Amino acid sequence: MLHHLKRVNNMELTKKAGAFALALMICEFVAAYLINALNISNMVLEMCLTYALSFGIPAFIFLKLTKSRIKETLYLNHVNIFNIILVILITISIQPCIYLLSGISALIFPNEISSALDKLSGYGTIPLMICLAVFPAVFEEICYRGIIFSGYGNVNIKKAAVLCGFIFAIAHLTAQQFLYSFAMGMVFCVFVYYTKSIYPSMLSHFILNALQVISLKASVGVEATEITVSMIAELGIFAISSLPILALLFFAFIKINTVHERILFVSNENILMHNPDKRFEEKAVTWPVIVLTVIYILIAIVAPMI
């Protein structure tokens, strides 16, 4: 067991993680501009290219420049069948809570994602699964639960999960998605923390988006209904009724995953993973995160009001 924590000599891990998150957002803007200039008619191909440019290339460059140990940084570890089953059950059981959070947001902010998805409804199920479920699950998890979450390894797990969930939520750049993206971003971090593997978060992310694809295909030709307060009340009852099962599943998940101290190797220094000595714990909120927050507020909240 390590009782002493050494500081990294160069830029702190949290600043690196925040700077990478900021770089991802900039890459999203650049990728959107480049894709728009190409004038691609196939929206599925357009989305796949956007993910590759926005997440794949930045992740590759980051890992190369920082000379990170890929397996440790991205949590590329084996996961047992019990964890896989529990992650699937938790992901399905948490759906009522996600619907509630999404509905509450829809009461206040316009659901821009819904209208964007409607344009994709004419494509086949498999192409939609690839661009809406597979690509996000792989690329976003590598970046947010891999590079960024490991960058918060010198921060207490509770703070790390909240900050990573927050960064993940504002990265979507839409106010309507914020609440449930924030919640699921934290849940994904919990999966990675307890299993020491990124694969459970990828699986959960895929299932969530796959269910959205199925819902999209099932609702073709059905007129969308406007969210009302009475609908939120019904969703609330549904969500509350699901909590006992959800709590039991999380309890079982945590119980079967004995948390050992993990070691992350950075710049040849050993750092306790999300369990630092308080004397050497890094600051969670750094200037890149503040900049990200300001950009998010301007784009997702202020701009639609103008």
C-alpha atoms as a PDB file:
ATOM      1  CA  MET A   1       0.000   0.000   0.000  1.00  0.00           C
ATOM      2  CA  LEU A   2       1.281   3.431  -0.879  1.00  0.00           C
ATOM      3  CA  HIS A   3       1.152   5.992   1.916  1.00  0.00           C
ATOM      4  CA  HIS A   4       2.989   8.720   0.100  1.00  0.00           C
ATOM      5  CA  LEU A   5       1.955  10.351  -3.133  1.00  0.00           C
ATOM      6  CA  LYS A   6       4.443  12.064  -5.400  1.00  0.00           C
ATOM      7  CA  ARG A   7       3.417  15.011  -7.491  1.00  0.00           C
ATOM      8  CA  VAL A   8       3.926  14.878 -11.219  1.00  0.00           C
ATOM      9  CA  ASN A   9       6.707  17.248 -12.152  1.00  0.00           C
ATOM     10  CA  ASN A  10       5.121  18.640 -15.283  1.00  0.00           C
ATOM     11  CA  MET A  11       1.541  19.837 -15.778  1.00  0.00           C
ATOM     12  CA  GLU A  12      -0.805  18.351 -13.159  1.00  0.00           C
ATOM     13  CA  LEU A  13      -2.917  15.429 -14.305  1.00  0.00           C
ATOM     14  CA  THR A  14      -6.193  17.273 -13.783  1.00  0.00           C
ATOM     15  CA  LYS A  15      -5.024  20.198 -15.917  1.00  0.00           C
ATOM     16  CA  LYS A  16      -3.991  17.763 -18.644  1.00  0.00           C
ATOM     17  CA  ALA A  17      -7.383  16.095 -18.461  1.00  0.00           C
ATOM     18  CA  GLY A  18      -9.190  19.450 -18.596  1.00  0.00           C
ATOM     19  CA  ALA A  19      -7.020  20.681 -21.447  1.00  0.00           C
ATOM     20  CA  PHE A  20      -7.789  17.501 -23.370  1.00  0.00           C
ATOM     21  CA  ALA A  21     -11.534  17.993 -22.781  1.00  0.00           C
ATOM     22  CA  LEU A  22     -11.217  21.559 -24.069  1.00  0.00           C
ATOM     23  CA  ALA A  23      -9.279  20.296 -27.087  1.00  0.00           C
ATOM     24  CA  LEU A  24     -12.077  17.793 -27.770  1.00  0.00           C
ATOM     25  CA  MET A  25     -14.643  20.583 -27.860  1.00  0.00           C
ATOM     26  CA  ILE A  26     -12.494  22.618 -30.247  1.00  0.00           C
ATOM     27  CA  CYS A  27     -12.031  19.533 -32.428  1.00  0.00           C
ATOM     28  CA  GLU A  28     -15.814  19.107 -32.522  1.00  0.00           C
ATOM     29  CA  PHE A  29     -16.180  22.633 -33.928  1.00  0.00           C
ATOM     30  CA  VAL A  30     -13.405  22.044 -36.471  1.00  0.00           C
ATOM     31  CA  ALA A  31     -14.804  18.660 -37.476  1.00  0.00           C
ATOM     32  CA  ALA A  32     -18.284  20.135 -37.937  1.00  0.00           C
ATOM     33  CA  TYR A  33     -16.832  22.831 -40.205  1.00  0.00           C
ATOM     34  CA  LEU A  34     -14.805  20.343 -42.266  1.00  0.00           C
ATOM     35  CA  ILE A  35     -17.684  17.873 -42.604  1.00  0.00           C
ATOM     36  CA  ASN A  36     -20.017  20.687 -43.639  1.00  0.00           C
ATOM     37  CA  ALA A  37     -17.490  21.805 -46.275  1.00  0.00           C
ATOM     38  CA  LEU A  38     -17.386  18.270 -47.712  1.00  0.00           C
ATOM     39  CA  ASN A  39     -21.166  18.443 -48.195  1.00  0.00           C
ATOM     40  CA  ILE A  40     -21.713  14.733 -47.508  1.00  0.00           C
ATOM     41  CA  SER A  41     -25.254  13.659 -48.348  1.00  0.00           C
ATOM     42  CA  ASN A  42     -25.230  10.457 -46.260  1.00  0.00           C
ATOM     43  CA  MET A  43     -25.925  11.485 -42.650  1.00  0.00           C
ATOM     44  CA  VAL A  44     -24.745   8.164 -41.216  1.00  0.00           C
ATOM     45  CA  LEU A  45     -21.361   8.501 -42.926  1.00  0.00           C
ATOM     46  CA  GLU A  46     -21.231  12.131 -41.821  1.00  0.00           C
ATOM     47  CA  MET A  47     -21.742  11.194 -38.168  1.00  0.00           C
ATOM     48  CA  CYS A  48     -19.147   8.408 -38.291  1.00  0.00           C
ATOM     49  CA  LEU A  49     -16.570  10.779 -39.778  1.00  0.00           C
ATOM     50  CA  THR A  50     -17.441  13.395 -37.174  1.00  0.00           C
ATOM     51  CA  TYR A  51     -16.725  10.935 -34.354  1.00  0.00           C
ATOM     52  CA  ALA A  52     -13.453   9.857 -35.913  1.00  0.00           C
ATOM     53  CA  LEU A  53     -12.297  13.469 -36.334  1.00  0.00           C
ATOM     54  CA  SER A  54     -13.672  14.782 -33.031  1.00  0.00           C
ATOM     55  CA  PHE A  55     -12.604  11.927 -30.760  1.00  0.00           C
ATOM     56  CA  GLY A  56     -10.472   9.314 -32.514  1.00  0.00           C
ATOM     57  CA  ILE A  57      -7.717  11.564 -33.832  1.00  0.00           C
ATOM     58  CA  PRO A  58      -7.419  13.741 -30.676  1.00  0.00           C
ATOM     59  CA  ALA A  59      -7.222  10.609 -28.478  1.00  0.00           C
ATOM     60  CA  PHE A  60      -4.506   9.102 -30.681  1.00  0.00           C
ATOM     61  CA  ILE A  61      -2.494  12.340 -30.656  1.00  0.00           C
ATOM     62  CA  PHE A  62      -2.846  12.733 -26.871  1.00  0.00           C
ATOM     63  CA  LEU A  63      -1.678   9.191 -26.143  1.00  0.00           C
ATOM     64  CA  LYS A  64       1.289   9.606 -28.492  1.00  0.00           C
ATOM     65  CA  LEU A  65       2.366  13.033 -27.239  1.00  0.00           C
ATOM     66  CA  THR A  66       2.072  12.140 -23.550  1.00  0.00           C
ATOM     67  CA  LYS A  67       3.575   8.684 -24.089  1.00  0.00           C
ATOM     68  CA  SER A  68       0.818   7.296 -21.894  1.00  0.00           C
ATOM     69  CA  ARG A  69       0.603   3.621 -21.102  1.00  0.00           C
ATOM     70  CA  ILE A  70      -2.458   2.798 -23.174  1.00  0.00           C
ATOM     71  CA  LYS A  71      -3.674  -0.184 -21.132  1.00  0.00           C
ATOM     72  CA  GLU A  72      -3.540   1.708 -17.817  1.00  0.00           C
ATOM     73  CA  THR A  73      -4.832   5.010 -19.191  1.00  0.00           C
ATOM     74  CA  LEU A  74      -7.790   3.470 -21.011  1.00  0.00           C
ATOM     75  CA  TYR A  75      -8.511   0.751 -18.415  1.00  0.00           C
ATOM     76  CA  LEU A  76      -8.237  -2.015 -20.995  1.00  0.00           C
ATOM     77  CA  ASN A  77      -8.708  -4.839 -18.500  1.00  0.00           C
ATOM     78  CA  HIS A  78     -10.706  -8.052 -18.545  1.00  0.00           C
ATOM     79  CA  VAL A  79     -14.201  -7.944 -17.037  1.00  0.00           C
ATOM     80  CA  ASN A  80     -16.033 -11.003 -15.702  1.00  0.00           C
ATOM     81  CA  ILE A  81     -19.455 -12.246 -16.750  1.00  0.00           C
ATOM     82  CA  PHE A  82     -21.100 -11.254 -13.444  1.00  0.00           C
ATOM     83  CA  ASN A  83     -20.178  -7.625 -14.007  1.00  0.00           C
ATOM     84  CA  ILE A  84     -21.431  -7.761 -17.577  1.00  0.00           C
ATOM     85  CA  ILE A  85     -24.814  -9.103 -16.427  1.00  0.00           C
ATOM     86  CA  LEU A  86     -25.128  -6.523 -13.637  1.00  0.00           C
ATOM     87  CA  VAL A  87     -24.153  -3.642 -15.920  1.00  0.00           C
ATOM     88  CA  ILE A  88     -26.820  -4.706 -18.423  1.00  0.00           C
ATOM     89  CA  LEU A  89     -29.463  -4.950 -15.695  1.00  0.00           C
ATOM     90  CA  ILE A  90     -28.468  -1.599 -14.164  1.00  0.00           C
ATOM     91  CA  THR A  91     -28.544   0.109 -17.556  1.00  0.00           C
ATOM     92  CA  ILE A  92     -32.033  -1.206 -18.286  1.00  0.00           C
ATOM     93  CA  SER A  93     -33.304  -0.461 -14.768  1.00  0.00           C
ATOM     94  CA  ILE A  94     -32.042   3.115 -14.840  1.00  0.00           C
ATOM     95  CA  GLN A  95     -34.100   3.962 -17.931  1.00  0.00           C
ATOM     96  CA  PRO A  96     -37.092   5.374 -15.970  1.00  0.00           C
ATOM     97  CA  CYS A  97     -34.758   7.811 -14.191  1.00  0.00           C
ATOM     98  CA  ILE A  98     -33.253   8.887 -17.508  1.00  0.00           C
ATOM     99  CA  TYR A  99     -36.724   9.456 -18.984  1.00  0.00           C
ATOM    100  CA  LEU A 100     -37.621  11.584 -15.969  1.00  0.00           C
ATOM    101  CA  LEU A 101     -34.480  13.731 -16.190  1.00  0.00           C
ATOM    102  CA  SER A 102     -34.910  14.121 -19.940  1.00  0.00           C
ATOM    103  CA  GLY A 103     -38.575  15.067 -19.493  1.00  0.00           C
ATOM    104  CA  ILE A 104     -37.790  17.689 -16.851  1.00  0.00           C
ATOM    105  CA  SER A 105     -35.196  19.247 -19.156  1.00  0.00           C
ATOM    106  CA  ALA A 106     -37.633  19.164 -22.098  1.00  0.00           C
ATOM    107  CA  LEU A 107     -40.083  21.269 -20.081  1.00  0.00           C
ATOM    108  CA  ILE A 108     -37.525  24.066 -19.959  1.00  0.00           C
ATOM    109  CA  PHE A 109     -35.339  23.647 -23.022  1.00  0.00           C
ATOM    110  CA  PRO A 110     -36.164  22.661 -26.627  1.00  0.00           C
ATOM    111  CA  ASN A 111     -35.346  19.070 -27.554  1.00  0.00           C
ATOM    112  CA  GLU A 112     -33.007  19.728 -30.472  1.00  0.00           C
ATOM    113  CA  ILE A 113     -31.709  16.165 -30.450  1.00  0.00           C
ATOM    114  CA  SER A 114     -35.174  14.730 -31.094  1.00  0.00           C
ATOM    115  CA  SER A 115     -35.603  16.807 -34.245  1.00  0.00           C
ATOM    116  CA  ALA A 116     -32.097  15.871 -35.393  1.00  0.00           C
ATOM    117  CA  LEU A 117     -32.807  12.168 -34.873  1.00  0.00           C
ATOM    118  CA  ASP A 118     -36.011  12.413 -36.896  1.00  0.00           C
ATOM    119  CA  LYS A 119     -33.880  13.180 -39.951  1.00  0.00           C
ATOM    120  CA  LEU A 120     -32.086   9.855 -39.448  1.00  0.00           C
ATOM    121  CA  SER A 121     -35.230   7.737 -39.122  1.00  0.00           C
ATOM    122  CA  GLY A 122     -35.195   6.837 -42.813  1.00  0.00           C
ATOM    123  CA  TYR A 123     -31.900   4.953 -42.524  1.00  0.00           C
ATOM    124  CA  GLY A 124     -31.677   1.240 -41.716  1.00  0.00           C
ATOM    125  CA  THR A 125     -31.392  -0.060 -38.162  1.00  0.00           C
ATOM    126  CA  ILE A 126     -27.854  -1.440 -38.550  1.00  0.00           C
ATOM    127  CA  PRO A 127     -26.329   1.793 -39.979  1.00  0.00           C
ATOM    128  CA  LEU A 128     -28.058   3.735 -37.187  1.00  0.00           C
ATOM    129  CA  MET A 129     -26.726   1.324 -34.562  1.00  0.00           C
ATOM    130  CA  ILE A 130     -23.219   1.885 -35.880  1.00  0.00           C
ATOM    131  CA  CYS A 131     -23.306   5.683 -35.949  1.00  0.00           C
ATOM    132  CA  LEU A 132     -25.532   6.284 -32.900  1.00  0.00           C
ATOM    133  CA  ALA A 133     -24.565   3.424 -30.592  1.00  0.00           C
ATOM    134  CA  VAL A 134     -21.245   1.773 -31.532  1.00  0.00           C
ATOM    135  CA  PHE A 135     -19.222   4.878 -32.427  1.00  0.00           C
ATOM    136  CA  PRO A 136     -20.338   6.966 -29.396  1.00  0.00           C
ATOM    137  CA  ALA A 137     -19.829   4.031 -27.018  1.00  0.00           C
ATOM    138  CA  VAL A 138     -16.292   3.428 -28.235  1.00  0.00           C
ATOM    139  CA  PHE A 139     -14.958   6.910 -29.009  1.00  0.00           C
ATOM    140  CA  GLU A 140     -16.638   8.849 -26.189  1.00  0.00           C
ATOM    141  CA  GLU A 141     -15.725   6.258 -23.570  1.00  0.00           C
ATOM    142  CA  ILE A 142     -12.095   6.172 -24.678  1.00  0.00           C
ATOM    143  CA  CYS A 143     -11.939   9.953 -24.282  1.00  0.00           C
ATOM    144  CA  TYR A 144     -14.150  10.642 -21.243  1.00  0.00           C
ATOM    145  CA  ARG A 145     -13.868   7.480 -19.124  1.00  0.00           C
ATOM    146  CA  GLY A 146     -10.424   6.615 -20.411  1.00  0.00           C
ATOM    147  CA  ILE A 147      -8.161   9.622 -20.870  1.00  0.00           C
ATOM    148  CA  ILE A 148     -10.104  12.202 -18.831  1.00  0.00           C
ATOM    149  CA  PHE A 149     -11.185   9.944 -15.939  1.00  0.00           C
ATOM    150  CA  SER A 150      -7.672   8.531 -15.556  1.00  0.00           C
ATOM    151  CA  GLY A 151      -6.455  12.143 -15.602  1.00  0.00           C
ATOM    152  CA  TYR A 152      -8.438  12.615 -12.389  1.00  0.00           C
ATOM    153  CA  GLY A 153      -6.619   9.693 -10.775  1.00  0.00           C
ATOM    154  CA  ASN A 154      -5.050  12.063  -8.251  1.00  0.00           C
ATOM    155  CA  VAL A 155      -8.525  13.190  -7.108  1.00  0.00           C
ATOM    156  CA  ASN A 156     -10.945  11.486  -4.720  1.00  0.00           C
ATOM    157  CA  ILE A 157     -13.347   9.189  -6.597  1.00  0.00           C
ATOM    158  CA  LYS A 158     -16.453  11.186  -5.627  1.00  0.00           C
ATOM    159  CA  LYS A 159     -15.002  14.434  -6.953  1.00  0.00           C
ATOM    160  CA  ALA A 160     -13.578  12.676 -10.004  1.00  0.00           C
ATOM    161  CA  ALA A 161     -16.923  11.090 -10.916  1.00  0.00           C
ATOM    162  CA  VAL A 162     -18.787  14.400 -10.496  1.00  0.00           C
ATOM    163  CA  LEU A 163     -16.248  16.387 -12.531  1.00  0.00           C
ATOM    164  CA  CYS A 164     -16.024  13.779 -15.294  1.00  0.00           C
ATOM    165  CA  GLY A 165     -19.820  13.514 -15.406  1.00  0.00           C
ATOM    166  CA  PHE A 166     -20.058  17.300 -15.618  1.00  0.00           C
ATOM    167  CA  ILE A 167     -17.475  17.513 -18.421  1.00  0.00           C
ATOM    168  CA  PHE A 168     -19.287  14.751 -20.295  1.00  0.00           C
ATOM    169  CA  ALA A 169     -22.611  16.578 -19.930  1.00  0.00           C
ATOM    170  CA  ILE A 170     -21.423  19.992 -21.131  1.00  0.00           C
ATOM    171  CA  ALA A 171     -19.562  18.368 -24.028  1.00  0.00           C
ATOM    172  CA  HIS A 172     -22.964  17.616 -25.594  1.00  0.00           C
ATOM    173  CA  LEU A 173     -23.528  21.383 -25.926  1.00  0.00           C
ATOM    174  CA  THR A 174     -27.303  21.108 -25.419  1.00  0.00           C
ATOM    175  CA  ALA A 175     -29.158  22.144 -22.279  1.00  0.00           C
ATOM    176  CA  GLN A 176     -31.863  19.494 -22.728  1.00  0.00           C
ATOM    177  CA  GLN A 177     -29.325  16.659 -22.523  1.00  0.00           C
ATOM    178  CA  PHE A 178     -27.439  18.030 -19.526  1.00  0.00           C
ATOM    179  CA  LEU A 179     -29.222  16.328 -16.594  1.00  0.00           C
ATOM    180  CA  TYR A 180     -29.279  12.752 -17.850  1.00  0.00           C
ATOM    181  CA  SER A 181     -25.833  13.040 -19.485  1.00  0.00           C
ATOM    182  CA  PHE A 182     -24.439  14.287 -16.170  1.00  0.00           C
ATOM    183  CA  ALA A 183     -26.081  11.416 -14.276  1.00  0.00           C
ATOM    184  CA  MET A 184     -24.971   8.735 -16.724  1.00  0.00           C
ATOM    185  CA  GLY A 185     -21.491  10.230 -16.954  1.00  0.00           C
ATOM    186  CA  MET A 186     -21.117   9.619 -13.217  1.00  0.00           C
ATOM    187  CA  VAL A 187     -22.588   6.116 -13.483  1.00  0.00           C
ATOM    188  CA  PHE A 188     -20.100   5.255 -16.245  1.00  0.00           C
ATOM    189  CA  CYS A 189     -17.270   6.411 -13.957  1.00  0.00           C
ATOM    190  CA  VAL A 190     -18.588   4.156 -11.199  1.00  0.00           C
ATOM    191  CA  PHE A 191     -18.546   1.193 -13.587  1.00  0.00           C
ATOM    192  CA  VAL A 192     -14.936   1.886 -14.552  1.00  0.00           C
ATOM    193  CA  TYR A 193     -13.795   2.555 -10.988  1.00  0.00           C
ATOM    194  CA  TYR A 194     -15.154  -0.655  -9.515  1.00  0.00           C
ATOM    195  CA  THR A 195     -14.344  -3.017 -12.381  1.00  0.00           C
ATOM    196  CA  LYS A 196     -11.028  -1.358 -13.301  1.00  0.00           C
ATOM    197  CA  SER A 197     -12.190  -1.736 -16.899  1.00  0.00           C
ATOM    198  CA  ILE A 198     -13.619   0.586 -19.529  1.00  0.00           C
ATOM    199  CA  TYR A 199     -15.603  -2.195 -21.200  1.00  0.00           C
ATOM    200  CA  PRO A 200     -18.588  -2.049 -18.802  1.00  0.00           C
ATOM    201  CA  SER A 201     -19.039   1.680 -19.465  1.00  0.00           C
ATOM    202  CA  MET A 202     -18.788   1.046 -23.209  1.00  0.00           C
ATOM    203  CA  LEU A 203     -21.409  -1.691 -22.915  1.00  0.00           C
ATOM    204  CA  SER A 204     -23.766   0.490 -20.870  1.00  0.00           C
ATOM    205  CA  HIS A 205     -23.296   3.443 -23.231  1.00  0.00           C
ATOM    206  CA  PHE A 206     -24.013   1.200 -26.214  1.00  0.00           C
ATOM    207  CA  ILE A 207     -27.190  -0.210 -24.640  1.00  0.00           C
ATOM    208  CA  LEU A 208     -28.518   3.275 -23.803  1.00  0.00           C
ATOM    209  CA  ASN A 209     -27.989   4.536 -27.333  1.00  0.00           C
ATOM    210  CA  ALA A 210     -29.186   1.280 -28.910  1.00  0.00           C
ATOM    211  CA  LEU A 211     -32.455   1.606 -27.009  1.00  0.00           C
ATOM    212  CA  GLN A 212     -32.757   5.125 -28.395  1.00  0.00           C
ATOM    213  CA  VAL A 213     -32.273   3.772 -31.926  1.00  0.00           C
ATOM    214  CA  ILE A 214     -34.970   1.146 -31.345  1.00  0.00           C
ATOM    215  CA  SER A 215     -37.292   3.842 -29.998  1.00  0.00           C
ATOM    216  CA  LEU A 216     -36.526   6.015 -33.030  1.00  0.00           C
ATOM    217  CA  LYS A 217     -37.389   3.243 -35.481  1.00  0.00           C
ATOM    218  CA  ALA A 218     -40.521   2.296 -33.541  1.00  0.00           C
ATOM    219  CA  SER A 219     -41.794   5.880 -33.531  1.00  0.00           C
ATOM    220  CA  VAL A 220     -41.544   6.416 -37.290  1.00  0.00           C
ATOM    221  CA  GLY A 221     -44.844   7.883 -38.461  1.00  0.00           C
ATOM    222  CA  VAL A 222     -46.007   8.558 -34.908  1.00  0.00           C
ATOM    223  CA  GLU A 223     -46.624  12.200 -34.110  1.00  0.00           C
ATOM    224  CA  ALA A 224     -44.504  13.458 -31.216  1.00  0.00           C
ATOM    225  CA  THR A 225     -46.388  14.633 -28.135  1.00  0.00           C
ATOM    226  CA  GLU A 226     -45.417  17.700 -26.157  1.00  0.00           C
ATOM    227  CA  ILE A 227     -44.088  17.121 -22.641  1.00  0.00           C
ATOM    228  CA  THR A 228     -46.511  18.258 -19.936  1.00  0.00           C
ATOM    229  CA  VAL A 229     -46.337  18.528 -16.143  1.00  0.00           C
ATOM    230  CA  SER A 230     -48.750  15.595 -15.779  1.00  0.00           C
ATOM    231  CA  MET A 231     -46.440  13.458 -17.944  1.00  0.00           C
ATOM    232  CA  ILE A 232     -43.500  14.414 -15.715  1.00  0.00           C
ATOM    233  CA  ALA A 233     -45.536  13.333 -12.685  1.00  0.00           C
ATOM    234  CA  GLU A 234     -46.176   9.945 -14.283  1.00  0.00           C
ATOM    235  CA  LEU A 235     -42.496   9.592 -15.185  1.00  0.00           C
ATOM    236  CA  GLY A 236     -41.628  10.507 -11.597  1.00  0.00           C
ATOM    237  CA  ILE A 237     -43.802   7.725 -10.196  1.00  0.00           C
ATOM    238  CA  PHE A 238     -42.281   5.286 -12.689  1.00  0.00           C
ATOM    239  CA  ALA A 239     -38.750   6.396 -11.732  1.00  0.00           C
ATOM    240  CA  ILE A 240     -39.413   6.170  -7.977  1.00  0.00           C
ATOM    241  CA  SER A 241     -40.868   2.682  -8.348  1.00  0.00           C
ATOM    242  CA  SER A 242     -37.677   1.565 -10.116  1.00  0.00           C
ATOM    243  CA  LEU A 243     -35.344   2.834  -7.374  1.00  0.00           C
ATOM    244  CA  PRO A 244     -35.505  -0.223  -5.048  1.00  0.00           C
ATOM    245  CA  ILE A 245     -34.470  -2.567  -7.871  1.00  0.00           C
ATOM    246  CA  LEU A 246     -31.808  -0.128  -9.032  1.00  0.00           C
ATOM    247  CA  ALA A 247     -30.417   0.246  -5.511  1.00  0.00           C
ATOM    248  CA  LEU A 248     -30.306  -3.542  -5.070  1.00  0.00           C
ATOM    249  CA  LEU A 249     -28.447  -3.977  -8.364  1.00  0.00           C
ATOM    250  CA  PHE A 250     -25.908  -1.277  -7.467  1.00  0.00           C
ATOM    251  CA  PHE A 251     -25.421  -2.862  -4.039  1.00  0.00           C
ATOM    252  CA  ALA A 252     -24.734  -6.233  -5.661  1.00  0.00           C
ATOM    253  CA  PHE A 253     -22.411  -4.622  -8.209  1.00  0.00           C
ATOM    254  CA  ILE A 254     -20.333  -2.893  -5.527  1.00  0.00           C
ATOM    255  CA  LYS A 255     -20.313  -5.968  -3.302  1.00  0.00           C
ATOM    256  CA  ILE A 256     -18.853  -8.297  -5.917  1.00  0.00           C
ATOM    257  CA  ASN A 257     -16.189  -5.779  -6.888  1.00  0.00           C
ATOM    258  CA  THR A 258     -13.647  -5.578  -4.111  1.00  0.00           C
ATOM    259  CA  VAL A 259     -11.905  -2.280  -4.643  1.00  0.00           C
ATOM    260  CA  HIS A 260      -8.171  -2.632  -4.471  1.00  0.00           C
ATOM    261  CA  GLU A 261      -5.774   0.276  -4.679  1.00  0.00           C
ATOM    262  CA  ARG A 262      -4.841   0.819  -8.277  1.00  0.00           C
ATOM    263  CA  ILE A 263      -1.618   2.253  -9.549  1.00  0.00           C
ATOM    264  CA  LEU A 264      -1.409   4.566 -12.528  1.00  0.00           C
ATOM    265  CA  PHE A 265       2.026   5.063 -14.006  1.00  0.00           C
ATOM    266  CA  VAL A 266       2.582   8.596 -15.215  1.00  0.00           C
ATOM    267  CA  SER A 267       6.001  10.022 -16.000  1.00  0.00           C
ATOM    268  CA  ASN A 268       7.533   7.045 -14.176  1.00  0.00           C
ATOM    269  CA  GLU A 269       5.803   8.085 -10.941  1.00  0.00           C
ATOM    270  CA  ASN A 270       3.357   5.872  -9.018  1.00  0.00           C
ATOM    271  CA  ILE A 271       0.034   7.499  -8.226  1.00  0.00           C
ATOM    272  CA  LEU A 272      -2.836   5.976  -6.266  1.00  0.00           C
ATOM    273  CA  MET A 273      -5.876   5.717  -8.503  1.00  0.00           C
ATOM    274  CA  HIS A 274      -8.728   7.930  -7.203  1.00  0.00           C
ATOM    275  CA  ASN A 275      -7.580   7.409  -3.611  1.00  0.00           C
ATOM    276  CA  PRO A 276      -4.880  10.051  -3.067  1.00  0.00           C
ATOM    277  CA  ASP A 277      -3.283  11.225   0.131  1.00  0.00           C
ATOM    278  CA  LYS A 278      -5.255  14.385   0.977  1.00  0.00           C
ATOM    279  CA  ARG A 279      -2.030  16.311   1.405  1.00  0.00           C
ATOM    280  CA  PHE A 280      -1.173  15.809  -2.252  1.00  0.00           C
ATOM    281  CA  GLU A 281      -4.612  15.645  -3.867  1.00  0.00           C
ATOM    282  CA  GLU A 282      -4.816  17.828  -6.959  1.00  0.00           C
ATOM    283  CA  LYS A 283      -7.373  20.569  -7.479  1.00  0.00           C
ATOM    284  CA  ALA A 284     -10.366  19.129  -9.318  1.00  0.00           C
ATOM    285  CA  VAL A 285     -11.651  22.327 -10.933  1.00  0.00           C
ATOM    286  CA  THR A 286      -8.994  23.784 -13.231  1.00  0.00           C
ATOM    287  CA  TRP A 287      -8.991  26.647 -15.726  1.00  0.00           C
ATOM    288  CA  PRO A 288      -9.804  24.429 -18.772  1.00  0.00           C
ATOM    289  CA  VAL A 289     -12.966  23.214 -17.001  1.00  0.00           C
ATOM    290  CA  ILE A 290     -13.963  26.822 -16.275  1.00  0.00           C
ATOM    291  CA  VAL A 291     -13.426  27.744 -19.934  1.00  0.00           C
ATOM    292  CA  LEU A 292     -15.486  24.723 -21.015  1.00  0.00           C
ATOM    293  CA  THR A 293     -18.297  25.795 -18.699  1.00  0.00           C
ATOM    294  CA  VAL A 294     -18.335  29.343 -20.078  1.00  0.00           C
ATOM    295  CA  ILE A 295     -18.425  28.052 -23.674  1.00  0.00           C
ATOM    296  CA  TYR A 296     -21.260  25.691 -22.766  1.00  0.00           C
ATOM    297  CA  ILE A 297     -23.331  28.442 -21.138  1.00  0.00           C
ATOM    298  CA  LEU A 298     -22.863  30.746 -24.132  1.00  0.00           C
ATOM    299  CA  ILE A 299     -23.736  28.092 -26.745  1.00  0.00           C
ATOM    300  CA  ALA A 300     -26.365  25.962 -24.984  1.00  0.00           C
ATOM    301  CA  ILE A 301     -28.175  28.537 -22.861  1.00  0.00           C
ATOM    302  CA  VAL A 302     -27.460  32.113 -23.927  1.00  0.00           C
ATOM    303  CA  ALA A 303     -27.415  31.661 -27.737  1.00  0.00           C
ATOM    304  CA  PRO A 304     -30.885  30.031 -27.988  1.00  0.00           C
ATOM    305  CA  MET A 305     -32.341  32.942 -26.023  1.00  0.00           C
ATOM    306  CA  ILE A 306     -31.037  35.578 -28.432  1.00  0.00           C
END
